């Protein structure tokens, strides 16, 4: 796990049920490189024992199921959350439930992707990270601030626009260019 993600996880107050849920949710995204939609669609039964190890089952796009063994830290996060929430017996219920207002209670409804995004941004600010924190780490780039990723996208898109302009301004005869497609404002 990279340093910014570890800082976010370590800064979460785990004396509350919502804190335990947030640590488990960020932990599963960090250790499994899962998409937010796959994590929020998990049911309690998607965290299961197979032999001596605990596993998680992710339901990915196109109906694909991805099962993987839990990292020992993730196992501890999920066990603490499930024990505190008392939802281990409700196998078909959502694993990550939305909070009831600003209380420490959880509803029976699953969290939405938007609420997960807001929670991650709030937890990143509380951990002292500047900028917008990427919700989904990837194995190749780690967890980068969104501002860094946005700068890379702007640079790539700028290069593409320059290349497209160069292709549009070809000549039809020596010294003659086609008029630009942009309006001159008159």
Protein backbone atom coordinates (compact mmCIF):
# COMPACT_ATOMS: atom_id res chain seq x y z
CA UNK A 1 0.00 0.00 0.00
CA UNK A 2 1.33 3.43 -0.84
CA UNK A 3 2.06 6.11 1.76
CA UNK A 4 -0.89 8.49 1.09
CA UNK A 5 -3.40 5.64 1.37
CA UNK A 6 -1.74 4.36 4.55
CA UNK A 7 -1.89 7.89 6.00
CA UNK A 8 -5.62 8.09 5.25
CA UNK A 9 -6.31 4.68 6.81
CA UNK A 10 -4.22 5.41 9.90
CA UNK A 11 -5.91 8.79 10.48
CA UNK A 12 -9.44 7.32 10.68
CA UNK A 13 -11.03 7.32 14.14
CA UNK A 14 -11.92 3.66 14.66
CA UNK A 15 -13.79 4.20 17.93
CA UNK A 16 -16.96 4.77 15.88
CA UNK A 17 -18.91 2.37 13.69
CA UNK A 18 -18.69 4.76 10.72
CA UNK A 19 -14.91 4.95 11.21
CA UNK A 20 -14.63 1.16 11.17
CA UNK A 21 -16.76 1.02 8.01
CA UNK A 22 -14.67 3.69 6.27
CA UNK A 23 -11.39 1.98 7.18
CA UNK A 24 -12.69 -1.37 5.87
CA UNK A 25 -14.00 0.22 2.66
CA UNK A 26 -10.79 2.12 1.89
CA UNK A 27 -8.81 -0.97 2.87
CA UNK A 28 -10.63 -3.22 0.43
CA UNK A 29 -10.13 -0.70 -2.36
CA UNK A 30 -6.43 -0.35 -1.54
CA UNK A 31 -5.62 -4.04 -1.10
CA UNK A 32 -7.74 -5.42 -3.94
CA UNK A 33 -7.48 -2.51 -6.44
CA UNK A 34 -11.25 -2.83 -6.81
CA UNK A 35 -13.55 -0.36 -8.54
CA UNK A 36 -15.86 1.67 -6.31
CA UNK A 37 -18.95 0.12 -7.93
CA UNK A 38 -17.67 -3.39 -7.24
CA UNK A 39 -17.05 -2.55 -3.58
CA UNK A 40 -20.40 -0.86 -2.88
CA UNK A 41 -22.27 -3.75 -4.52
CA UNK A 42 -20.68 -6.30 -2.14
CA UNK A 43 -22.92 -8.30 0.19
CA UNK A 44 -21.92 -9.70 3.59
CA UNK A 45 -21.69 -13.16 1.99
CA UNK A 46 -18.96 -11.83 -0.34
CA UNK A 47 -16.55 -11.94 2.60
CA UNK A 48 -16.14 -15.64 3.29
CA UNK A 49 -13.85 -18.29 4.72
CA UNK A 50 -12.23 -20.88 2.46
CA UNK A 51 -10.02 -23.16 4.49
CA UNK A 52 -7.73 -21.15 6.75
CA UNK A 53 -7.99 -17.94 4.71
CA UNK A 54 -10.71 -15.34 4.37
CA UNK A 55 -11.61 -14.24 0.85
CA UNK A 56 -13.52 -11.41 -0.82
CA UNK A 57 -15.69 -11.77 -3.91
CA UNK A 58 -16.05 -8.77 -6.21
CA UNK A 59 -18.80 -8.52 -8.80
CA UNK A 60 -17.20 -6.74 -11.73
CA UNK A 61 -18.55 -5.38 -15.00
CA UNK A 62 -20.15 -7.84 -17.40
CA UNK A 63 -21.21 -10.22 -14.62
CA UNK A 64 -17.65 -11.32 -13.91
CA UNK A 65 -16.83 -12.47 -10.40
CA UNK A 66 -13.37 -11.97 -8.99
CA UNK A 67 -12.45 -13.90 -5.83
CA UNK A 68 -9.22 -13.17 -4.00
CA UNK A 69 -7.69 -13.94 -0.60
CA UNK A 70 -7.68 -11.12 1.95
CA UNK A 71 -4.52 -9.42 3.09
CA UNK A 72 -4.14 -9.90 6.86
CA UNK A 73 -4.70 -6.16 7.50
CA UNK A 74 -7.84 -6.16 5.37
CA UNK A 75 -9.08 -9.22 7.22
CA UNK A 76 -8.61 -7.40 10.55
CA UNK A 77 -10.41 -4.28 9.20
CA UNK A 78 -13.39 -6.29 7.92
CA UNK A 79 -13.64 -8.44 11.07
CA UNK A 80 -13.67 -5.37 13.34
CA UNK A 81 -16.32 -3.67 11.19
CA UNK A 82 -18.58 -6.72 10.92
CA UNK A 83 -18.35 -7.45 14.64
CA UNK A 84 -19.17 -3.84 15.59
CA UNK A 85 -22.00 -3.55 13.03
CA UNK A 86 -23.46 -6.94 14.04
CA UNK A 87 -24.33 -7.80 10.43
CA UNK A 88 -22.36 -11.04 10.05
CA UNK A 89 -25.53 -13.17 10.08
CA UNK A 90 -27.36 -11.04 7.46
CA UNK A 91 -25.62 -12.70 4.50
CA UNK A 92 -27.71 -11.10 1.70
CA UNK A 93 -27.54 -7.55 3.10
CA UNK A 94 -25.12 -4.87 1.82
CA UNK A 95 -21.64 -5.06 3.31
CA UNK A 96 -21.01 -1.31 3.27
CA UNK A 97 -24.07 0.53 4.52
CA UNK A 98 -24.85 4.23 4.46
CA UNK A 99 -24.72 6.25 7.68
CA UNK A 100 -27.86 7.51 9.36
CA UNK A 101 -27.36 11.29 9.22
CA UNK A 102 -24.51 12.48 11.39
CA UNK A 103 -25.10 9.75 13.94
CA UNK A 104 -22.93 6.70 14.44
CA UNK A 105 -25.69 4.37 13.22
CA UNK A 106 -25.91 2.64 9.85
CA UNK A 107 -28.98 2.09 7.71
CA UNK A 108 -29.89 -1.13 5.89
CA UNK A 109 -29.13 0.55 2.53
CA UNK A 110 -25.90 0.21 0.58
CA UNK A 111 -23.61 3.21 0.17
CA UNK A 112 -23.65 4.90 -3.22
CA UNK A 113 -20.56 5.62 -5.31
CA UNK A 114 -21.06 9.35 -4.74
CA UNK A 115 -21.10 8.92 -0.96
CA UNK A 116 -17.94 6.82 -1.15
CA UNK A 117 -16.23 9.56 -3.18
CA UNK A 118 -17.29 12.22 -0.64
CA UNK A 119 -16.14 10.04 2.25
CA UNK A 120 -12.72 9.46 0.70
CA UNK A 121 -12.27 13.19 0.04
CA UNK A 122 -13.26 13.99 3.65
CA UNK A 123 -10.91 11.35 5.05
CA UNK A 124 -8.05 12.58 2.84
CA UNK A 125 -8.56 16.17 4.08
CA UNK A 126 -8.59 14.91 7.68
CA UNK A 127 -5.29 13.09 6.97
CA UNK A 128 -3.77 16.37 5.76
CA UNK A 129 -3.56 15.53 2.06
CA UNK A 130 -3.83 18.52 -0.24
CA UNK A 131 -5.82 18.43 -3.44
CA UNK A 132 -8.40 15.87 -4.43
CA UNK A 133 -7.49 12.30 -3.60
CA UNK A 134 -7.99 9.58 -6.21
CA UNK A 135 -10.71 7.20 -5.13
CA UNK A 136 -9.41 4.22 -7.04
CA UNK A 137 -5.77 3.24 -6.74
CA UNK A 138 -4.34 1.21 -9.58
CA UNK A 139 -1.44 -1.20 -9.52
CA UNK A 140 0.45 0.85 -12.09
CA UNK A 141 0.13 4.38 -10.74
CA UNK A 142 -0.74 4.01 -7.05
CA UNK A 143 -3.01 6.59 -5.45
CA UNK A 144 -2.28 9.93 -7.06
CA UNK A 145 -3.92 13.22 -6.28
CA UNK A 146 -6.53 13.96 -8.95
CA UNK A 147 -4.77 17.26 -9.70
CA UNK A 148 -1.69 15.30 -10.84
CA UNK A 149 -3.80 13.01 -13.02
CA UNK A 150 -5.69 16.01 -14.43
CA UNK A 151 -2.41 17.69 -15.37
CA UNK A 152 -1.32 14.57 -17.22
CA UNK A 153 -4.65 14.43 -19.07
CA UNK A 154 -4.43 18.13 -20.01
CA UNK A 155 -0.93 17.62 -21.39
CA UNK A 156 -2.02 14.57 -23.41
CA UNK A 157 -5.15 16.32 -24.73
CA UNK A 158 -3.12 19.42 -25.64
CA UNK A 159 -0.80 17.26 -27.70
CA UNK A 160 -3.78 15.64 -29.44
CA UNK A 161 -5.33 19.05 -30.28
CA UNK A 162 -2.03 20.27 -31.71
CA UNK A 163 -1.75 17.14 -33.84
CA UNK A 164 -5.36 17.55 -35.05
CA UNK A 165 -4.76 21.22 -36.00
CA UNK A 166 -1.67 20.23 -37.95
CA UNK A 167 -3.67 17.66 -39.90
CA UNK A 168 -6.47 20.16 -40.69
CA UNK A 169 -4.19 22.86 -42.10
CA UNK A 170 -2.92 21.03 -45.16
CA UNK A 171 -2.25 22.89 -48.43
CA UNK A 172 -4.12 22.32 -51.69
CA UNK A 173 -1.65 24.12 -53.88
CA UNK A 174 1.74 25.69 -53.27
CA UNK A 175 1.14 28.74 -51.09
CA UNK A 176 -2.65 28.18 -50.73
CA UNK A 177 -4.27 26.92 -47.54
CA UNK A 178 -7.84 25.84 -46.96
CA UNK A 179 -9.83 28.29 -44.86
CA UNK A 180 -10.07 27.42 -41.17
CA UNK A 181 -13.25 25.76 -39.97
CA UNK A 182 -13.53 28.31 -37.16
CA UNK A 183 -15.76 31.31 -37.64
CA UNK A 184 -14.00 34.63 -37.83
CA UNK A 185 -16.70 36.34 -35.78
CA UNK A 186 -18.09 38.45 -38.68
